[in-house]
C-alpha atoms as a PDB file:
ATOM      1  CA  UNK A   1     -11.493  24.470  -2.264  1.00  0.00           C
ATOM      2  CA  UNK A   2     -14.897  24.517  -0.615  1.00  0.00           C
ATOM      3  CA  UNK A   3     -17.347  21.938  -1.938  1.00  0.00           C
ATOM      4  CA  UNK A   4     -20.073  22.232   0.708  1.00  0.00           C
ATOM      5  CA  UNK A   5     -21.043  25.463   2.437  1.00  0.00           C
ATOM      6  CA  UNK A   6     -23.498  26.174   5.253  1.00  0.00           C
ATOM      7  CA  UNK A   7     -25.001  29.659   5.230  1.00  0.00           C
ATOM      8  CA  UNK A   8     -27.053  30.856   8.131  1.00  0.00           C
ATOM      9  CA  UNK A   9     -29.006  34.076   8.336  1.00  0.00           C
ATOM     10  CA  UNK A  10     -32.029  35.562  10.025  1.00  0.00           C
ATOM     11  CA  UNK A  11     -32.732  37.438   6.823  1.00  0.00           C
ATOM     12  CA  UNK A  12     -30.901  40.584   7.793  1.00  0.00           C
ATOM     13  CA  UNK A  13     -27.861  41.412   5.669  1.00  0.00           C
ATOM     14  CA  UNK A  14     -28.746  38.552   3.303  1.00  0.00           C
ATOM     15  CA  UNK A  15     -27.475  40.422   0.234  1.00  0.00           C
ATOM     16  CA  UNK A  16     -24.014  40.891   1.750  1.00  0.00           C
ATOM     17  CA  UNK A  17     -23.773  37.265   2.872  1.00  0.00           C
ATOM     18  CA  UNK A  18     -24.825  35.921  -0.532  1.00  0.00           C
ATOM     19  CA  UNK A  19     -22.429  38.263  -2.335  1.00  0.00           C
ATOM     20  CA  UNK A  20     -19.477  36.956  -0.310  1.00  0.00           C
ATOM     21  CA  UNK A  21     -20.597  33.373  -0.831  1.00  0.00           C
ATOM     22  CA  UNK A  22     -20.811  33.834  -4.590  1.00  0.00           C
ATOM     23  CA  UNK A  23     -17.276  35.248  -4.565  1.00  0.00           C
ATOM     24  CA  UNK A  24     -16.085  31.869  -3.229  1.00  0.00           C
ATOM     25  CA  UNK A  25     -17.743  29.880  -5.990  1.00  0.00           C
ATOM     26  CA  UNK A  26     -15.689  28.777  -8.954  1.00  0.00           C
ATOM     27  CA  UNK A  27     -16.620  25.110  -9.062  1.00  0.00           C
ATOM     28  CA  UNK A  28     -19.787  23.132  -8.471  1.00  0.00           C
ATOM     29  CA  UNK A  29     -20.737  23.679  -4.853  1.00  0.00           C
ATOM     30  CA  UNK A  30     -23.503  22.597  -2.492  1.00  0.00           C
ATOM     31  CA  UNK A  31     -24.979  25.363  -0.345  1.00  0.00           C
ATOM     32  CA  UNK A  32     -27.133  24.543   2.650  1.00  0.00           C
ATOM     33  CA  UNK A  33     -29.262  27.521   3.632  1.00  0.00           C
ATOM     34  CA  UNK A  34     -30.009  27.246   7.339  1.00  0.00           C
ATOM     35  CA  UNK A  35     -32.531  29.255   9.305  1.00  0.00           C
ATOM     36  CA  UNK A  36     -32.773  28.519  13.016  1.00  0.00           C
ATOM     37  CA  UNK A  37     -35.937  29.706  14.735  1.00  0.00           C
ATOM     38  CA  UNK A  38     -34.764  30.585  18.237  1.00  0.00           C
ATOM     39  CA  UNK A  39     -37.387  28.968  20.450  1.00  0.00           C
ATOM     40  CA  UNK A  40     -36.033  30.278  23.729  1.00  0.00           C
ATOM     41  CA  UNK A  41     -38.490  32.487  25.602  1.00  0.00           C
ATOM     42  CA  UNK A  42     -38.411  34.227  28.952  1.00  0.00           C
ATOM     43  CA  UNK A  43     -39.503  32.151  31.925  1.00  0.00           C
ATOM     44  CA  UNK A  44     -43.258  32.280  32.590  1.00  0.00           C
ATOM     45  CA  UNK A  45     -44.146  33.226  29.002  1.00  0.00           C
ATOM     46  CA  UNK A  46     -47.695  32.011  28.391  1.00  0.00           C
ATOM     47  CA  UNK A  47     -48.000  28.936  26.164  1.00  0.00           C
ATOM     48  CA  UNK A  48     -50.201  30.742  23.632  1.00  0.00           C
ATOM     49  CA  UNK A  49     -47.563  33.481  23.232  1.00  0.00           C
ATOM     50  CA  UNK A  50     -44.814  30.868  22.808  1.00  0.00           C
ATOM     51  CA  UNK A  51     -46.834  29.166  20.064  1.00  0.00           C
ATOM     52  CA  UNK A  52     -47.467  32.475  18.276  1.00  0.00           C
ATOM     53  CA  UNK A  53     -43.771  33.370  18.445  1.00  0.00           C
ATOM     54  CA  UNK A  54     -42.737  29.944  17.142  1.00  0.00           C
ATOM     55  CA  UNK A  55     -45.202  30.170  14.235  1.00  0.00           C
ATOM     56  CA  UNK A  56     -44.024  33.666  13.336  1.00  0.00           C
ATOM     57  CA  UNK A  57     -40.360  32.626  13.387  1.00  0.00           C
ATOM     58  CA  UNK A  58     -41.084  29.532  11.309  1.00  0.00           C
ATOM     59  CA  UNK A  59     -42.907  31.628   8.687  1.00  0.00           C
ATOM     60  CA  UNK A  60     -40.047  34.131   8.659  1.00  0.00           C
ATOM     61  CA  UNK A  61     -37.594  31.265   8.198  1.00  0.00           C
ATOM     62  CA  UNK A  62     -39.495  29.920   5.199  1.00  0.00           C
ATOM     63  CA  UNK A  63     -39.429  33.378   3.595  1.00  0.00           C
ATOM     64  CA  UNK A  64     -35.712  33.848   4.235  1.00  0.00           C
ATOM     65  CA  UNK A  65     -34.831  30.420   2.835  1.00  0.00           C
ATOM     66  CA  UNK A  66     -36.963  31.006  -0.250  1.00  0.00           C
ATOM     67  CA  UNK A  67     -35.302  34.394  -0.855  1.00  0.00           C
ATOM     68  CA  UNK A  68     -31.870  32.831  -0.397  1.00  0.00           C
ATOM     69  CA  UNK A  69     -32.676  30.146  -2.983  1.00  0.00           C
ATOM     70  CA  UNK A  70     -33.953  32.727  -5.463  1.00  0.00           C
ATOM     71  CA  UNK A  71     -30.765  34.771  -5.118  1.00  0.00           C
ATOM     72  CA  UNK A  72     -28.583  31.731  -5.805  1.00  0.00           C
ATOM     73  CA  UNK A  73     -30.704  30.843  -8.854  1.00  0.00           C
ATOM     74  CA  UNK A  74     -30.217  34.359 -10.243  1.00  0.00           C
ATOM     75  CA  UNK A  75     -26.436  34.012  -9.978  1.00  0.00           C
ATOM     76  CA  UNK A  76     -26.268  31.470 -12.844  1.00  0.00           C
ATOM     77  CA  UNK A  77     -23.483  29.654 -11.005  1.00  0.00           C
ATOM     78  CA  UNK A  78     -23.300  25.902 -10.458  1.00  0.00           C
ATOM     79  CA  UNK A  79     -24.845  25.816  -7.009  1.00  0.00           C
ATOM     80  CA  UNK A  80     -26.909  23.022  -5.514  1.00  0.00           C
ATOM     81  CA  UNK A  81     -29.058  24.803  -2.930  1.00  0.00           C
ATOM     82  CA  UNK A  82     -30.712  22.937  -0.059  1.00  0.00           C
ATOM     83  CA  UNK A  83     -32.835  24.877   2.461  1.00  0.00           C
ATOM     84  CA  UNK A  84     -33.068  23.761   6.074  1.00  0.00           C
ATOM     85  CA  UNK A  85     -35.358  25.088   8.809  1.00  0.00           C
ATOM     86  CA  UNK A  86     -34.527  24.145  12.401  1.00  0.00           C
ATOM     87  CA  UNK A  87     -35.863  25.146  15.822  1.00  0.00           C
ATOM     88  CA  UNK A  88     -33.774  25.640  18.941  1.00  0.00           C
ATOM     89  CA  UNK A  89     -30.670  27.443  20.086  1.00  0.00           C
ATOM     90  CA  UNK A  90     -29.121  29.002  16.951  1.00  0.00           C
ATOM     91  CA  UNK A  91     -25.448  28.472  17.842  1.00  0.00           C
ATOM     92  CA  UNK A  92     -25.984  24.870  18.932  1.00  0.00           C
ATOM     93  CA  UNK A  93     -28.029  24.030  15.824  1.00  0.00           C
ATOM     94  CA  UNK A  94     -25.513  25.638  13.462  1.00  0.00           C
ATOM     95  CA  UNK A  95     -22.641  23.645  14.959  1.00  0.00           C
ATOM     96  CA  UNK A  96     -24.671  20.416  15.052  1.00  0.00           C
ATOM     97  CA  UNK A  97     -25.802  20.741  11.411  1.00  0.00           C
ATOM     98  CA  UNK A  98     -22.272  21.621  10.260  1.00  0.00           C
ATOM     99  CA  UNK A  99     -20.986  18.428  11.923  1.00  0.00           C
ATOM    100  CA  UNK A 100     -23.811  16.238  10.621  1.00  0.00           C
ATOM    101  CA  UNK A 101     -23.512  17.585   7.067  1.00  0.00           C
ATOM    102  CA  UNK A 102     -19.693  17.576   7.133  1.00  0.00           C
ATOM    103  CA  UNK A 103     -19.498  21.104   5.700  1.00  0.00           C
ATOM    104  CA  UNK A 104     -16.216  22.743   4.707  1.00  0.00           C
ATOM    105  CA  UNK A 105     -17.117  26.262   5.801  1.00  0.00           C
ATOM    106  CA  UNK A 106     -19.879  28.113   7.649  1.00  0.00           C
ATOM    107  CA  UNK A 107     -20.710  31.582   6.355  1.00  0.00           C
ATOM    108  CA  UNK A 108     -22.602  33.972   8.592  1.00  0.00           C
ATOM    109  CA  UNK A 109     -22.932  37.666   9.369  1.00  0.00           C
ATOM    110  CA  UNK A 110     -21.913  39.527  12.500  1.00  0.00           C
ATOM    111  CA  UNK A 111     -24.962  41.839  12.321  1.00  0.00           C
ATOM    112  CA  UNK A 112     -25.730  42.752  15.933  1.00  0.00           C
ATOM    113  CA  UNK A 113     -24.981  45.996  17.676  1.00  0.00           C
ATOM    114  CA  UNK A 114     -22.495  46.012  20.544  1.00  0.00           C
ATOM    115  CA  UNK A 115     -25.361  46.464  22.992  1.00  0.00           C
ATOM    116  CA  UNK A 116     -27.192  43.401  21.637  1.00  0.00           C
ATOM    117  CA  UNK A 117     -24.018  41.326  21.845  1.00  0.00           C
ATOM    118  CA  UNK A 118     -23.419  42.405  25.437  1.00  0.00           C
ATOM    119  CA  UNK A 119     -26.907  41.511  26.631  1.00  0.00           C
ATOM    120  CA  UNK A 120     -27.825  38.630  24.355  1.00  0.00           C
ATOM    121  CA  UNK A 121     -24.480  37.056  23.546  1.00  0.00           C
ATOM    122  CA  UNK A 122     -23.227  36.501  20.054  1.00  0.00           C
ATOM    123  CA  UNK A 123     -24.277  33.500  17.998  1.00  0.00           C
ATOM    124  CA  UNK A 124     -21.312  34.008  15.673  1.00  0.00           C
ATOM    125  CA  UNK A 125     -18.891  34.082  18.616  1.00  0.00           C
ATOM    126  CA  UNK A 126     -20.276  30.822  19.989  1.00  0.00           C
ATOM    127  CA  UNK A 127     -20.113  29.193  16.544  1.00  0.00           C
ATOM    128  CA  UNK A 128     -16.504  30.300  15.978  1.00  0.00           C
ATOM    129  CA  UNK A 129     -15.431  28.623  19.214  1.00  0.00           C
ATOM    130  CA  UNK A 130     -17.349  25.372  18.648  1.00  0.00           C
ATOM    131  CA  UNK A 131     -17.448  24.777  14.894  1.00  0.00           C
ATOM    132  CA  UNK A 132     -15.744  21.711  13.413  1.00  0.00           C
ATOM    133  CA  UNK A 133     -14.723  23.676  10.312  1.00  0.00           C
ATOM    134  CA  UNK A 134     -13.699  27.096   9.050  1.00  0.00           C
ATOM    135  CA  UNK A 135     -16.100  29.942   9.834  1.00  0.00           C
ATOM    136  CA  UNK A 136     -16.258  32.951   7.522  1.00  0.00           C
ATOM    137  CA  UNK A 137     -17.795  35.933   9.300  1.00  0.00           C
ATOM    138  CA  UNK A 138     -19.126  38.664   7.049  1.00  0.00           C
ATOM    139  CA  UNK A 139     -18.817  42.052   8.693  1.00  0.00           C
ATOM    140  CA  UNK A 140     -22.284  43.455   8.111  1.00  0.00           C
ATOM    141  CA  UNK A 141     -23.330  47.063   8.209  1.00  0.00           C
ATOM    142  CA  UNK A 142     -25.928  48.283  10.646  1.00  0.00           C
ATOM    143  CA  UNK A 143     -29.081  49.745   9.124  1.00  0.00           C
ATOM    144  CA  UNK A 144     -27.806  53.291   9.651  1.00  0.00           C
ATOM    145  CA  UNK A 145     -24.468  52.664   7.952  1.00  0.00           C
ATOM    146  CA  UNK A 146     -22.206  52.099  10.957  1.00  0.00           C
ATOM    147  CA  UNK A 147     -20.374  48.863  11.677  1.00  0.00           C
ATOM    148  CA  UNK A 148     -21.071  46.833  14.773  1.00  0.00           C
END
């Protein structure tokens, strides 16, 4: 049985990810909500632009983590929720935090289109191959109803 879960999301498909997480809960469980602000930028990006992007991602992360916490509170289940905001490479941070926190399972969505995955790589794919624990991938629907 899972006692400690790491959930990671950029905010997209949050409802689906939380729904699947709540389906796993039948005992007291700790949930770490992780948002990783991807700080990578194209080479030669001006410093001011990098700072603006980092601030925007950090603010988005705070909103996502707050929303995640509110959804778990509404569930009336015995969940200890702990938000975490990190900066860096998402896949690397997810794996590192899962090791440090000794989590039992990582729950994340697959939510990118095939084109995005081809050009940008897939965070979930990298996590699956490097994680020290079970990874539960939630197949998320694209905004227009098709699966990726």
